[in-house]
Amino acid sequence: MPYTLEISDELRARLDDHLEEDETYEELIEELISMYETEGTFLQEGYSE
């Protein structure tokens, strides 16, 4: 069953910056979740704790 998720215009713009050609928001979010589940954390270049 599909759900509607409301996001801010700012977050949508950030997602747009990361979308590849012909990629949907759903595909991008699935990829991000897969990365998180595999790595245990989202990694940012130049970031360390």
C-alpha atoms as a PDB file:
ATOM      1  CA  MET A   1       0.000   0.000   0.000  1.00  0.00           C
ATOM      2  CA  PRO A   2       1.554   3.326  -1.007  1.00  0.00           C
ATOM      3  CA  TYR A   3       1.960   6.059   1.567  1.00  0.00           C
ATOM      4  CA  THR A   4       2.259   9.799   1.156  1.00  0.00           C
ATOM      5  CA  LEU A   5       5.253  11.381   2.818  1.00  0.00           C
ATOM      6  CA  GLU A   6       5.337  15.139   3.179  1.00  0.00           C
ATOM      7  CA  ILE A   7       8.753  16.771   3.078  1.00  0.00           C
ATOM      8  CA  SER A   8       9.853  20.379   3.118  1.00  0.00           C
ATOM      9  CA  ASP A   9      10.790  22.230  -0.051  1.00  0.00           C
ATOM     10  CA  GLU A  10      14.351  22.456   1.284  1.00  0.00           C
ATOM     11  CA  LEU A  11      14.628  18.673   1.696  1.00  0.00           C
ATOM     12  CA  ARG A  12      13.142  18.104  -1.742  1.00  0.00           C
ATOM     13  CA  ALA A  13      15.762  20.427  -3.234  1.00  0.00           C
ATOM     14  CA  ARG A  14      18.495  18.484  -1.434  1.00  0.00           C
ATOM     15  CA  LEU A  15      17.108  15.212  -2.784  1.00  0.00           C
ATOM     16  CA  ASP A  16      16.965  16.722  -6.277  1.00  0.00           C
ATOM     17  CA  ASP A  17      20.698  17.470  -6.018  1.00  0.00           C
ATOM     18  CA  HIS A  18      21.387  13.741  -5.532  1.00  0.00           C
ATOM     19  CA  LEU A  19      18.974  12.236  -8.043  1.00  0.00           C
ATOM     20  CA  GLU A  20      20.580  10.596 -11.037  1.00  0.00           C
ATOM     21  CA  GLU A  21      19.012  10.894 -14.470  1.00  0.00           C
ATOM     22  CA  ASP A  22      15.610   9.136 -14.576  1.00  0.00           C
ATOM     23  CA  GLU A  23      15.897   8.110 -10.891  1.00  0.00           C
ATOM     24  CA  THR A  24      12.807   8.460  -8.697  1.00  0.00           C
ATOM     25  CA  TYR A  25      12.709   9.705  -5.117  1.00  0.00           C
ATOM     26  CA  GLU A  26      11.672   6.203  -4.065  1.00  0.00           C
ATOM     27  CA  GLU A  27      14.740   4.677  -5.733  1.00  0.00           C
ATOM     28  CA  LEU A  28      17.045   7.220  -4.091  1.00  0.00           C
ATOM     29  CA  ILE A  29      15.518   6.622  -0.662  1.00  0.00           C
ATOM     30  CA  GLU A  30      15.794   2.844  -1.105  1.00  0.00           C
ATOM     31  CA  GLU A  31      19.478   3.256  -1.989  1.00  0.00           C
ATOM     32  CA  LEU A  32      20.097   5.450   1.064  1.00  0.00           C
ATOM     33  CA  ILE A  33      18.389   2.949   3.360  1.00  0.00           C
ATOM     34  CA  SER A  34      20.390   0.079   1.872  1.00  0.00           C
ATOM     35  CA  MET A  35      23.613   2.025   2.463  1.00  0.00           C
ATOM     36  CA  TYR A  36      22.579   2.728   6.043  1.00  0.00           C
ATOM     37  CA  GLU A  37      21.683  -0.904   6.717  1.00  0.00           C
ATOM     38  CA  THR A  38      24.971  -2.116   5.219  1.00  0.00           C
ATOM     39  CA  GLU A  39      27.296   0.474   6.725  1.00  0.00           C
ATOM     40  CA  GLY A  40      25.396   1.169   9.926  1.00  0.00           C
ATOM     41  CA  THR A  41      25.750   4.867   9.336  1.00  0.00           C
ATOM     42  CA  PHE A  42      25.666   7.419   6.558  1.00  0.00           C
ATOM     43  CA  LEU A  43      29.211   8.412   5.719  1.00  0.00           C
ATOM     44  CA  GLN A  44      30.117  11.906   4.651  1.00  0.00           C
ATOM     45  CA  GLU A  45      33.400  12.658   2.985  1.00  0.00           C
ATOM     46  CA  GLY A  46      35.684  14.484   5.393  1.00  0.00           C
ATOM     47  CA  TYR A  47      33.505  13.715   8.416  1.00  0.00           C
ATOM     48  CA  SER A  48      34.733  11.838  11.447  1.00  0.00           C
ATOM     49  CA  GLU A  49      33.457  11.422  14.982  1.00  0.00           C
END
